[in-house]
PDB file of N, CA and C in Angstrom:
ATOM      1  N   MET A   1     -55.241  25.569  31.209  1.00  0.00           N
ATOM      2  CA  MET A   1     -53.889  24.594  30.750  1.00  0.00           C
ATOM      3  C   MET A   1     -54.759  23.138  30.314  1.00  0.00           C
ATOM      4  N   ARG A   2     -54.208  22.622  29.464  1.00  0.00           N
ATOM      5  CA  ARG A   2     -54.717  21.336  28.690  1.00  0.00           C
ATOM      6  C   ARG A   2     -54.352  20.439  29.648  1.00  0.00           C
ATOM      7  N   PRO A   3     -54.849  19.047  29.619  1.00  0.00           N
ATOM      8  CA  PRO A   3     -54.391  18.074  30.470  1.00  0.00           C
ATOM      9  C   PRO A   3     -53.276  17.223  30.330  1.00  0.00           C
ATOM     10  N   SER A   4     -52.878  17.431  28.782  1.00  0.00           N
ATOM     11  CA  SER A   4     -51.745  16.903  28.367  1.00  0.00           C
ATOM     12  C   SER A   4     -50.610  17.506  29.197  1.00  0.00           C
ATOM     13  N   SER A   5     -50.500  18.898  29.118  1.00  0.00           N
ATOM     14  CA  SER A   5     -49.696  19.634  29.512  1.00  0.00           C
ATOM     15  C   SER A   5     -49.498  19.281  31.078  1.00  0.00           C
ATOM     16  N   LEU A   6     -50.792  19.216  31.796  1.00  0.00           N
ATOM     17  CA  LEU A   6     -50.354  19.019  33.266  1.00  0.00           C
ATOM     18  C   LEU A   6     -49.943  17.783  33.507  1.00  0.00           C
ATOM     19  N   ALA A   7     -50.362  16.699  32.743  1.00  0.00           N
ATOM     20  CA  ALA A   7     -49.442  15.560  32.870  1.00  0.00           C
ATOM     21  C   ALA A   7     -48.063  15.507  32.744  1.00  0.00           C
ATOM     22  N   ALA A   8     -47.648  16.306  31.602  1.00  0.00           N
ATOM     23  CA  ALA A   8     -46.304  16.450  31.587  1.00  0.00           C
ATOM     24  C   ALA A   8     -45.558  16.968  32.612  1.00  0.00           C
ATOM     25  N   ILE A   9     -46.015  18.382  33.126  1.00  0.00           N
ATOM     26  CA  ILE A   9     -45.452  18.731  34.179  1.00  0.00           C
ATOM     27  C   ILE A   9     -45.554  17.861  35.463  1.00  0.00           C
ATOM     28  N   ALA A  10     -46.566  17.317  35.617  1.00  0.00           N
ATOM     29  CA  ALA A  10     -46.423  16.290  36.780  1.00  0.00           C
ATOM     30  C   ALA A  10     -45.216  15.198  36.606  1.00  0.00           C
ATOM     31  N   ALA A  11     -45.087  14.787  35.586  1.00  0.00           N
ATOM     32  CA  ALA A  11     -43.964  13.529  35.160  1.00  0.00           C
ATOM     33  C   ALA A  11     -42.823  14.275  35.343  1.00  0.00           C
ATOM     34  N   LEU A  12     -42.644  15.389  35.079  1.00  0.00           N
ATOM     35  CA  LEU A  12     -41.093  16.014  34.961  1.00  0.00           C
ATOM     36  C   LEU A  12     -41.055  16.138  36.419  1.00  0.00           C
ATOM     37  N   VAL A  13     -41.989  16.797  37.150  1.00  0.00           N
ATOM     38  CA  VAL A  13     -41.824  17.005  38.753  1.00  0.00           C
ATOM     39  C   VAL A  13     -41.351  15.731  39.467  1.00  0.00           C
ATOM     40  N   ALA A  14     -41.803  14.654  39.119  1.00  0.00           N
ATOM     41  CA  ALA A  14     -41.697  13.295  39.294  1.00  0.00           C
ATOM     42  C   ALA A  14     -40.460  12.793  39.224  1.00  0.00           C
ATOM     43  N   VAL A  15     -39.964  13.017  37.968  1.00  0.00           N
ATOM     44  CA  VAL A  15     -38.747  12.546  37.479  1.00  0.00           C
ATOM     45  C   VAL A  15     -37.486  13.332  38.461  1.00  0.00           C
ATOM     46  N   VAL A  16     -37.369  14.688  38.435  1.00  0.00           N
ATOM     47  CA  VAL A  16     -36.658  15.636  39.179  1.00  0.00           C
ATOM     48  C   VAL A  16     -36.536  15.228  40.758  1.00  0.00           C
ATOM     49  N   THR A  17     -37.465  15.020  41.193  1.00  0.00           N
ATOM     50  CA  THR A  17     -37.637  14.739  42.371  1.00  0.00           C
ATOM     51  C   THR A  17     -37.140  13.169  42.743  1.00  0.00           C
ATOM     52  N   LEU A  18     -37.401  12.126  41.829  1.00  0.00           N
ATOM     53  CA  LEU A  18     -36.598  10.819  41.925  1.00  0.00           C
ATOM     54  C   LEU A  18     -35.348  10.803  41.812  1.00  0.00           C
ATOM     55  N   ALA A  19     -34.735  11.634  40.773  1.00  0.00           N
ATOM     56  CA  ALA A  19     -33.477  11.798  40.590  1.00  0.00           C
ATOM     57  C   ALA A  19     -32.599  12.367  41.548  1.00  0.00           C
ATOM     58  N   ALA A  20     -33.237  13.359  42.310  1.00  0.00           N
ATOM     59  CA  ALA A  20     -32.719  13.881  43.506  1.00  0.00           C
ATOM     60  C   ALA A  20     -32.391  13.278  44.791  1.00  0.00           C
ATOM     61  N   GLY A  21     -33.174  12.191  44.914  1.00  0.00           N
ATOM     62  CA  GLY A  21     -33.246  11.298  45.597  1.00  0.00           C
ATOM     63  C   GLY A  21     -32.093  10.168  45.382  1.00  0.00           C
ATOM     64  N   CYS A  22     -31.827  10.013  44.264  1.00  0.00           N
ATOM     65  CA  CYS A  22     -31.003   8.804  43.988  1.00  0.00           C
ATOM     66  C   CYS A  22     -29.435   9.609  44.251  1.00  0.00           C
ATOM     67  N   ALA A  23     -29.187  10.754  44.047  1.00  0.00           N
ATOM     68  CA  ALA A  23     -27.934  11.480  44.257  1.00  0.00           C
ATOM     69  C   ALA A  23     -27.706  11.225  45.535  1.00  0.00           C
ATOM     70  N   GLY A  24     -26.337  10.902  46.027  1.00  0.00           N
ATOM     71  CA  GLY A  24     -26.100  10.648  47.702  1.00  0.00           C
ATOM     72  C   GLY A  24     -24.524  10.460  47.409  1.00  0.00           C
ATOM     73  N   PRO A  25     -24.047  10.230  48.891  1.00  0.00           N
ATOM     74  CA  PRO A  25     -22.707   9.814  48.957  1.00  0.00           C
ATOM     75  C   PRO A  25     -22.134   8.540  48.193  1.00  0.00           C
ATOM     76  N   PRO A  26     -20.719   8.680  47.936  1.00  0.00           N
ATOM     77  CA  PRO A  26     -20.335   7.033  46.955  1.00  0.00           C
ATOM     78  C   PRO A  26     -20.605   5.988  48.019  1.00  0.00           C
ATOM     79  N   ARG A  27     -21.099   4.672  47.313  1.00  0.00           N
ATOM     80  CA  ARG A  27     -21.004   3.739  48.205  1.00  0.00           C
ATOM     81  C   ARG A  27     -19.588   3.232  48.521  1.00  0.00           C
ATOM     82  N   VAL A  28     -18.944   3.357  49.467  1.00  0.00           N
ATOM     83  CA  VAL A  28     -17.694   2.850  49.760  1.00  0.00           C
ATOM     84  C   VAL A  28     -17.324   1.253  49.793  1.00  0.00           C
ATOM     85  N   GLU A  29     -18.422   0.720  50.317  1.00  0.00           N
ATOM     86  CA  GLU A  29     -18.418  -0.693  50.415  1.00  0.00           C
ATOM     87  C   GLU A  29     -18.185  -1.216  48.887  1.00  0.00           C
ATOM     88  N   LEU A  30     -18.398  -0.784  47.694  1.00  0.00           N
ATOM     89  CA  LEU A  30     -18.136  -1.087  46.619  1.00  0.00           C
ATOM     90  C   LEU A  30     -16.459  -1.137  46.185  1.00  0.00           C
ATOM     91  N   TYR A  31     -15.688  -0.492  46.890  1.00  0.00           N
ATOM     92  CA  TYR A  31     -14.396  -0.194  46.670  1.00  0.00           C
ATOM     93  C   TYR A  31     -13.486  -0.832  47.548  1.00  0.00           C
ATOM     94  N   GLY A  32     -14.148  -1.909  48.432  1.00  0.00           N
ATOM     95  CA  GLY A  32     -13.382  -3.044  49.033  1.00  0.00           C
ATOM     96  C   GLY A  32     -13.489  -2.612  50.567  1.00  0.00           C
ATOM     97  N   SER A  33     -12.491  -2.790  51.254  1.00  0.00           N
ATOM     98  CA  SER A  33     -12.644  -3.013  52.868  1.00  0.00           C
ATOM     99  C   SER A  33     -11.009  -2.953  53.439  1.00  0.00           C
ATOM    100  N   PRO A  34     -11.125  -2.338  54.608  1.00  0.00           N
ATOM    101  CA  PRO A  34      -9.830  -2.125  55.449  1.00  0.00           C
ATOM    102  C   PRO A  34      -9.155  -3.450  55.547  1.00  0.00           C
ATOM    103  N   ALA A  35      -7.980  -3.220  55.795  1.00  0.00           N
ATOM    104  CA  ALA A  35      -7.107  -4.915  55.929  1.00  0.00           C
ATOM    105  C   ALA A  35      -6.198  -4.776  56.955  1.00  0.00           C
ATOM    106  N   PRO A  36      -5.702  -5.570  57.368  1.00  0.00           N
ATOM    107  CA  PRO A  36      -4.543  -5.415  58.432  1.00  0.00           C
ATOM    108  C   PRO A  36      -3.407  -5.528  57.555  1.00  0.00           C
ATOM    109  N   SER A  37      -2.458  -4.727  57.994  1.00  0.00           N
ATOM    110  CA  SER A  37      -1.122  -4.437  57.447  1.00  0.00           C
ATOM    111  C   SER A  37      -0.544  -5.887  56.896  1.00  0.00           C
ATOM    112  N   ALA A  38      -0.468  -6.686  58.030  1.00  0.00           N
ATOM    113  CA  ALA A  38       0.176  -8.187  57.508  1.00  0.00           C
ATOM    114  C   ALA A  38      -0.223  -8.596  56.508  1.00  0.00           C
ATOM    115  N   ALA A  39      -1.526  -8.432  56.110  1.00  0.00           N
ATOM    116  CA  ALA A  39      -2.028  -9.179  54.612  1.00  0.00           C
ATOM    117  C   ALA A  39      -1.593  -8.841  53.353  1.00  0.00           C
ATOM    118  N   ALA A  40      -1.031  -7.669  53.534  1.00  0.00           N
ATOM    119  CA  ALA A  40      -0.546  -6.630  52.378  1.00  0.00           C
ATOM    120  C   ALA A  40       0.344  -7.695  51.579  1.00  0.00           C
ATOM    121  N   GLN A  41      -0.001  -7.427  50.000  1.00  0.00           N
ATOM    122  CA  GLN A  41       0.921  -8.209  49.166  1.00  0.00           C
ATOM    123  C   GLN A  41       2.089  -7.272  48.655  1.00  0.00           C
ATOM    124  N   ARG A  42       1.497  -6.029  49.120  1.00  0.00           N
ATOM    125  CA  ARG A  42       2.611  -5.064  48.520  1.00  0.00           C
ATOM    126  C   ARG A  42       2.376  -3.609  49.140  1.00  0.00           C
ATOM    127  N   THR A  43       3.429  -2.767  49.049  1.00  0.00           N
ATOM    128  CA  THR A  43       3.405  -1.519  49.691  1.00  0.00           C
ATOM    129  C   THR A  43       3.543  -0.712  48.852  1.00  0.00           C
ATOM    130  N   ILE A  44       2.479   0.647  48.653  1.00  0.00           N
ATOM    131  CA  ILE A  44       2.735   1.629  47.904  1.00  0.00           C
ATOM    132  C   ILE A  44       3.319   2.887  48.871  1.00  0.00           C
ATOM    133  N   VAL A  45       4.174   3.499  48.625  1.00  0.00           N
ATOM    134  CA  VAL A  45       4.442   4.912  49.430  1.00  0.00           C
ATOM    135  C   VAL A  45       4.148   5.945  48.591  1.00  0.00           C
ATOM    136  N   ILE A  46       3.238   6.779  49.238  1.00  0.00           N
ATOM    137  CA  ILE A  46       2.246   7.782  48.642  1.00  0.00           C
ATOM    138  C   ILE A  46       3.063   9.324  49.213  1.00  0.00           C
ATOM    139  N   THR A  47       3.697  10.076  48.011  1.00  0.00           N
ATOM    140  CA  THR A  47       4.468  11.216  48.413  1.00  0.00           C
ATOM    141  C   THR A  47       3.393  12.585  48.255  1.00  0.00           C
ATOM    142  N   PRO A  48       3.802  13.496  48.528  1.00  0.00           N
ATOM    143  CA  PRO A  48       3.206  14.921  48.101  1.00  0.00           C
ATOM    144  C   PRO A  48       2.666  14.913  46.794  1.00  0.00           C
ATOM    145  N   GLU A  49       3.492  14.351  45.774  1.00  0.00           N
ATOM    146  CA  GLU A  49       3.602  14.498  44.360  1.00  0.00           C
ATOM    147  C   GLU A  49       2.514  13.233  43.816  1.00  0.00           C
ATOM    148  N   THR A  50       2.142  12.068  44.685  1.00  0.00           N
ATOM    149  CA  THR A  50       1.528  11.421  44.045  1.00  0.00           C
ATOM    150  C   THR A  50       0.020  11.638  43.712  1.00  0.00           C
ATOM    151  N   ARG A  51      -0.511  11.404  42.478  1.00  0.00           N
ATOM    152  CA  ARG A  51      -1.768  11.788  41.991  1.00  0.00           C
ATOM    153  C   ARG A  51      -2.577  10.609  41.798  1.00  0.00           C
ATOM    154  N   TRP A  52      -2.071   9.468  41.512  1.00  0.00           N
ATOM    155  CA  TRP A  52      -2.721   8.279  41.200  1.00  0.00           C
ATOM    156  C   TRP A  52      -1.854   6.863  41.609  1.00  0.00           C
ATOM    157  N   VAL A  53      -2.273   5.925  41.804  1.00  0.00           N
ATOM    158  CA  VAL A  53      -1.586   4.352  42.146  1.00  0.00           C
ATOM    159  C   VAL A  53      -2.565   3.637  40.981  1.00  0.00           C
ATOM    160  N   ASN A  54      -1.866   2.535  40.745  1.00  0.00           N
ATOM    161  CA  ASN A  54      -2.280   1.221  39.946  1.00  0.00           C
ATOM    162  C   ASN A  54      -2.365   0.013  40.850  1.00  0.00           C
ATOM    163  N   VAL A  55      -3.500  -0.220  41.056  1.00  0.00           N
ATOM    164  CA  VAL A  55      -3.850  -1.783  41.723  1.00  0.00           C
ATOM    165  C   VAL A  55      -4.417  -2.547  40.981  1.00  0.00           C
ATOM    166  N   GLU A  56      -4.664  -3.883  41.525  1.00  0.00           N
ATOM    167  CA  GLU A  56      -5.153  -5.045  41.006  1.00  0.00           C
ATOM    168  C   GLU A  56      -6.566  -5.341  41.680  1.00  0.00           C
ATOM    169  N   GLY A  57      -7.783  -5.743  41.254  1.00  0.00           N
ATOM    170  CA  GLY A  57      -8.977  -6.317  42.173  1.00  0.00           C
ATOM    171  C   GLY A  57      -8.427  -7.379  42.682  1.00  0.00           C
ATOM    172  N   GLY A  58      -8.822  -7.487  44.193  1.00  0.00           N
ATOM    173  CA  GLY A  58      -8.467  -8.589  44.700  1.00  0.00           C
ATOM    174  C   GLY A  58      -7.095  -8.302  45.578  1.00  0.00           C
ATOM    175  N   GLU A  59      -6.134  -7.518  45.323  1.00  0.00           N
ATOM    176  CA  GLU A  59      -5.178  -7.202  45.785  1.00  0.00           C
ATOM    177  C   GLU A  59      -5.132  -6.428  47.122  1.00  0.00           C
ATOM    178  N   VAL A  60      -4.315  -6.676  48.122  1.00  0.00           N
ATOM    179  CA  VAL A  60      -4.169  -6.190  49.361  1.00  0.00           C
ATOM    180  C   VAL A  60      -3.082  -5.398  49.472  1.00  0.00           C
ATOM    181  N   VAL A  61      -3.148  -3.872  49.516  1.00  0.00           N
ATOM    182  CA  VAL A  61      -2.110  -3.034  49.411  1.00  0.00           C
ATOM    183  C   VAL A  61      -1.933  -2.353  50.539  1.00  0.00           C
ATOM    184  N   ASN A  62      -0.543  -2.109  51.228  1.00  0.00           N
ATOM    185  CA  ASN A  62      -0.536  -1.269  52.359  1.00  0.00           C
ATOM    186  C   ASN A  62       0.377   0.125  51.870  1.00  0.00           C
ATOM    187  N   PHE A  63      -0.591   1.152  52.226  1.00  0.00           N
ATOM    188  CA  PHE A  63      -0.221   2.384  51.838  1.00  0.00           C
ATOM    189  C   PHE A  63       0.675   3.233  52.831  1.00  0.00           C
ATOM    190  N   VAL A  64       1.898   3.664  52.575  1.00  0.00           N
ATOM    191  CA  VAL A  64       2.593   4.631  53.370  1.00  0.00           C
ATOM    192  C   VAL A  64       2.803   5.783  53.137  1.00  0.00           C
ATOM    193  N   VAL A  65       2.100   6.941  54.177  1.00  0.00           N
ATOM    194  CA  VAL A  65       2.044   8.468  53.702  1.00  0.00           C
ATOM    195  C   VAL A  65       2.953   8.701  54.773  1.00  0.00           C
ATOM    196  N   GLY A  66       3.858   9.218  54.544  1.00  0.00           N
ATOM    197  CA  GLY A  66       4.850  10.176  55.758  1.00  0.00           C
ATOM    198  C   GLY A  66       4.963   8.930  56.852  1.00  0.00           C
ATOM    199  N   ASP A  67       4.713   9.278  57.988  1.00  0.00           N
ATOM    200  CA  ASP A  67       4.832   8.222  59.206  1.00  0.00           C
ATOM    201  C   ASP A  67       3.690   7.391  59.406  1.00  0.00           C
ATOM    202  N   ARG A  68       2.442   7.731  58.473  1.00  0.00           N
ATOM    203  CA  ARG A  68       1.174   7.005  58.659  1.00  0.00           C
ATOM    204  C   ARG A  68       1.187   6.046  57.659  1.00  0.00           C
ATOM    205  N   MET A  69       0.299   4.857  57.983  1.00  0.00           N
ATOM    206  CA  MET A  69      -0.008   3.854  57.013  1.00  0.00           C
ATOM    207  C   MET A  69      -1.295   3.318  57.113  1.00  0.00           C
ATOM    208  N   PHE A  70      -1.844   2.729  56.020  1.00  0.00           N
ATOM    209  CA  PHE A  70      -3.055   2.086  56.228  1.00  0.00           C
ATOM    210  C   PHE A  70      -3.133   0.885  54.949  1.00  0.00           C
ATOM    211  N   ALA A  71      -3.725  -0.075  55.313  1.00  0.00           N
ATOM    212  CA  ALA A  71      -4.041  -1.290  54.192  1.00  0.00           C
ATOM    213  C   ALA A  71      -5.364  -1.153  53.804  1.00  0.00           C
ATOM    214  N   TRP A  72      -5.497  -1.744  52.443  1.00  0.00           N
ATOM    215  CA  TRP A  72      -6.707  -1.601  51.874  1.00  0.00           C
ATOM    216  C   TRP A  72      -6.760  -2.839  51.010  1.00  0.00           C
ATOM    217  N   ASP A  73      -8.044  -3.729  51.018  1.00  0.00           N
ATOM    218  CA  ASP A  73      -8.441  -4.850  50.344  1.00  0.00           C
ATOM    219  C   ASP A  73      -9.390  -4.416  49.040  1.00  0.00           C
ATOM    220  N   PHE A  74      -8.712  -4.386  47.936  1.00  0.00           N
ATOM    221  CA  PHE A  74      -9.467  -4.004  46.944  1.00  0.00           C
ATOM    222  C   PHE A  74     -10.210  -5.131  46.192  1.00  0.00           C
ATOM    223  N   TYR A  75     -11.116  -5.770  47.006  1.00  0.00           N
ATOM    224  CA  TYR A  75     -12.315  -6.590  46.627  1.00  0.00           C
ATOM    225  C   TYR A  75     -13.098  -5.711  46.299  1.00  0.00           C
ATOM    226  N   VAL A  76     -13.214  -5.406  45.004  1.00  0.00           N
ATOM    227  CA  VAL A  76     -14.197  -4.245  44.448  1.00  0.00           C
ATOM    228  C   VAL A  76     -15.562  -4.752  43.672  1.00  0.00           C
ATOM    229  N   GLY A  77     -16.500  -3.805  43.741  1.00  0.00           N
ATOM    230  CA  GLY A  77     -17.529  -4.072  42.942  1.00  0.00           C
ATOM    231  C   GLY A  77     -16.671  -4.596  41.249  1.00  0.00           C
ATOM    232  N   PHE A  78     -17.608  -5.327  40.451  1.00  0.00           N
ATOM    233  CA  PHE A  78     -17.126  -5.479  39.291  1.00  0.00           C
ATOM    234  C   PHE A  78     -17.261  -4.233  38.032  1.00  0.00           C
ATOM    235  N   THR A  79     -17.937  -3.326  38.692  1.00  0.00           N
ATOM    236  CA  THR A  79     -18.155  -2.258  37.788  1.00  0.00           C
ATOM    237  C   THR A  79     -17.011  -0.990  38.191  1.00  0.00           C
ATOM    238  N   VAL A  80     -16.254  -1.260  39.371  1.00  0.00           N
ATOM    239  CA  VAL A  80     -15.323  -0.330  39.756  1.00  0.00           C
ATOM    240  C   VAL A  80     -14.212  -0.476  39.046  1.00  0.00           C
ATOM    241  N   THR A  81     -13.774   0.662  38.313  1.00  0.00           N
ATOM    242  CA  THR A  81     -12.523   0.625  37.649  1.00  0.00           C
ATOM    243  C   THR A  81     -11.478   1.664  38.151  1.00  0.00           C
ATOM    244  N   HIS A  82     -11.979   2.557  38.856  1.00  0.00           N
ATOM    245  CA  HIS A  82     -11.120   3.728  39.491  1.00  0.00           C
ATOM    246  C   HIS A  82     -12.076   4.306  40.875  1.00  0.00           C
ATOM    247  N   PHE A  83     -11.412   4.855  41.848  1.00  0.00           N
ATOM    248  CA  PHE A  83     -12.168   5.905  42.731  1.00  0.00           C
ATOM    249  C   PHE A  83     -11.009   6.656  43.439  1.00  0.00           C
ATOM    250  N   ASP A  84     -11.765   7.548  44.230  1.00  0.00           N
ATOM    251  CA  ASP A  84     -10.845   8.524  45.005  1.00  0.00           C
ATOM    252  C   ASP A  84     -10.339   7.739  46.118  1.00  0.00           C
ATOM    253  N   LEU A  85      -9.056   7.512  46.289  1.00  0.00           N
ATOM    254  CA  LEU A  85      -8.449   6.798  47.487  1.00  0.00           C
ATOM    255  C   LEU A  85      -8.889   7.533  48.845  1.00  0.00           C
ATOM    256  N   ASN A  86      -8.947   8.602  48.758  1.00  0.00           N
ATOM    257  CA  ASN A  86      -9.254   9.474  49.897  1.00  0.00           C
ATOM    258  C   ASN A  86     -10.469   9.096  50.525  1.00  0.00           C
ATOM    259  N   LEU A  87     -11.509   8.610  49.933  1.00  0.00           N
ATOM    260  CA  LEU A  87     -12.529   8.056  50.443  1.00  0.00           C
ATOM    261  C   LEU A  87     -12.507   7.036  51.475  1.00  0.00           C
ATOM    262  N   VAL A  88     -11.421   6.292  51.180  1.00  0.00           N
ATOM    263  CA  VAL A  88     -11.364   5.069  52.129  1.00  0.00           C
ATOM    264  C   VAL A  88     -10.149   5.275  53.042  1.00  0.00           C
ATOM    265  N   ALA A  89      -9.263   6.251  52.854  1.00  0.00           N
ATOM    266  CA  ALA A  89      -8.201   6.444  53.825  1.00  0.00           C
ATOM    267  C   ALA A  89      -8.723   6.887  55.093  1.00  0.00           C
ATOM    268  N   PRO A  90      -8.093   6.661  56.170  1.00  0.00           N
ATOM    269  CA  PRO A  90      -8.296   7.128  57.542  1.00  0.00           C
ATOM    270  C   PRO A  90      -8.414   8.842  57.230  1.00  0.00           C
ATOM    271  N   PRO A  91      -8.903   9.302  57.961  1.00  0.00           N
ATOM    272  CA  PRO A  91      -9.341  10.833  58.154  1.00  0.00           C
ATOM    273  C   PRO A  91      -7.910  11.640  58.249  1.00  0.00           C
ATOM    274  N   GLY A  92      -7.442  12.663  57.486  1.00  0.00           N
ATOM    275  CA  GLY A  92      -6.112  13.003  57.705  1.00  0.00           C
ATOM    276  C   GLY A  92      -5.015  12.578  57.136  1.00  0.00           C
ATOM    277  N   VAL A  93      -5.010  11.480  56.609  1.00  0.00           N
ATOM    278  CA  VAL A  93      -3.601  10.737  56.004  1.00  0.00           C
ATOM    279  C   VAL A  93      -3.436  11.266  54.723  1.00  0.00           C
ATOM    280  N   LEU A  94      -4.099  11.394  53.756  1.00  0.00           N
ATOM    281  CA  LEU A  94      -3.810  11.925  52.428  1.00  0.00           C
ATOM    282  C   LEU A  94      -4.226  13.163  52.358  1.00  0.00           C
ATOM    283  N   GLN A  95      -2.980  14.394  52.016  1.00  0.00           N
ATOM    284  CA  GLN A  95      -3.356  15.469  51.955  1.00  0.00           C
ATOM    285  C   GLN A  95      -3.779  16.030  50.625  1.00  0.00           C
ATOM    286  N   GLN A  96      -3.623  15.300  49.500  1.00  0.00           N
ATOM    287  CA  GLN A  96      -3.958  15.567  48.126  1.00  0.00           C
ATOM    288  C   GLN A  96      -4.728  14.340  47.675  1.00  0.00           C
ATOM    289  N   ARG A  97      -5.247  14.844  46.749  1.00  0.00           N
ATOM    290  CA  ARG A  97      -6.508  13.993  46.070  1.00  0.00           C
ATOM    291  C   ARG A  97      -5.558  12.889  45.485  1.00  0.00           C
ATOM    292  N   VAL A  98      -5.925  11.414  45.546  1.00  0.00           N
ATOM    293  CA  VAL A  98      -5.373  10.427  45.053  1.00  0.00           C
ATOM    294  C   VAL A  98      -6.036   9.311  44.014  1.00  0.00           C
ATOM    295  N   THR A  99      -6.149   9.078  43.333  1.00  0.00           N
ATOM    296  CA  THR A  99      -7.009   8.205  42.500  1.00  0.00           C
ATOM    297  C   THR A  99      -6.398   6.825  42.529  1.00  0.00           C
ATOM    298  N   ALA A 100      -7.335   5.747  42.808  1.00  0.00           N
ATOM    299  CA  ALA A 100      -6.580   4.534  42.566  1.00  0.00           C
ATOM    300  C   ALA A 100      -7.459   4.053  41.371  1.00  0.00           C
ATOM    301  N   TYR A 101      -6.662   3.242  40.357  1.00  0.00           N
ATOM    302  CA  TYR A 101      -7.197   2.961  39.314  1.00  0.00           C
ATOM    303  C   TYR A 101      -7.032   1.359  39.357  1.00  0.00           C
ATOM    304  N   VAL A 102      -8.263   0.575  39.485  1.00  0.00           N
ATOM    305  CA  VAL A 102      -8.416  -0.828  39.667  1.00  0.00           C
ATOM    306  C   VAL A 102      -8.456  -1.513  38.225  1.00  0.00           C
ATOM    307  N   SER A 103      -7.238  -2.409  38.204  1.00  0.00           N
ATOM    308  CA  SER A 103      -7.707  -3.547  36.920  1.00  0.00           C
ATOM    309  C   SER A 103      -8.355  -4.662  37.395  1.00  0.00           C
ATOM    310  N   PRO A 104      -9.154  -5.507  36.539  1.00  0.00           N
ATOM    311  CA  PRO A 104      -9.769  -6.472  36.713  1.00  0.00           C
ATOM    312  C   PRO A 104      -9.146  -7.331  37.892  1.00  0.00           C
ATOM    313  N   ASP A 105      -9.775  -8.150  38.757  1.00  0.00           N
ATOM    314  CA  ASP A 105      -9.256  -9.072  39.388  1.00  0.00           C
ATOM    315  C   ASP A 105      -9.057 -10.461  38.517  1.00  0.00           C
ATOM    316  N   PRO A 106      -7.699 -10.936  38.444  1.00  0.00           N
ATOM    317  CA  PRO A 106      -7.158 -11.876  37.474  1.00  0.00           C
ATOM    318  C   PRO A 106      -8.077 -13.067  37.719  1.00  0.00           C
ATOM    319  N   ARG A 107      -8.782 -13.281  39.053  1.00  0.00           N
ATOM    320  CA  ARG A 107      -9.448 -14.616  39.348  1.00  0.00           C
ATOM    321  C   ARG A 107     -10.902 -14.560  38.488  1.00  0.00           C
ATOM    322  N   TYR A 108     -11.196 -13.403  38.125  1.00  0.00           N
ATOM    323  CA  TYR A 108     -12.790 -13.364  37.167  1.00  0.00           C
ATOM    324  C   TYR A 108     -12.117 -13.043  35.713  1.00  0.00           C
ATOM    325  N   ARG A 109     -11.197 -12.847  35.538  1.00  0.00           N
ATOM    326  CA  ARG A 109     -11.049 -12.473  33.900  1.00  0.00           C
ATOM    327  C   ARG A 109     -11.597 -13.300  32.835  1.00  0.00           C
ATOM    328  N   GLY A 110     -12.186 -12.780  32.234  1.00  0.00           N
ATOM    329  CA  GLY A 110     -12.835 -13.694  30.757  1.00  0.00           C
ATOM    330  C   GLY A 110     -14.199 -14.357  31.108  1.00  0.00           C
ATOM    331  N   PHE A 111     -14.752 -13.914  32.311  1.00  0.00           N
ATOM    332  CA  PHE A 111     -15.994 -14.180  32.661  1.00  0.00           C
ATOM    333  C   PHE A 111     -17.102 -13.140  32.434  1.00  0.00           C
ATOM    334  N   ASP A 112     -18.295 -13.525  31.943  1.00  0.00           N
ATOM    335  CA  ASP A 112     -19.078 -12.198  31.593  1.00  0.00           C
ATOM    336  C   ASP A 112     -20.375 -12.521  32.663  1.00  0.00           C
TER     337      ASP A 112
END
């Protein structure tokens, strides 16, 4: 085998190994943080038919799901435009997948 072929194979193995190490669970801290219900600016009722919700960056929203509720502060990373709300909801609250679509925080619109 030629040295250039060995180098190419070694480089490929290194890239595959590094790529596998990069894959991991989503970084939930980029999606905001739990908030007290009293801090909520509005309430969204999630029914079994709900598949998505629209929120604004920086907004605190109270979610009501049947007889349970949770509040979330959507102070998100600037690259976050949507995420699976199930990742941040308390375990067992959401029975179906709900996507949160996050519009830009109005405090930071127009800044690059």
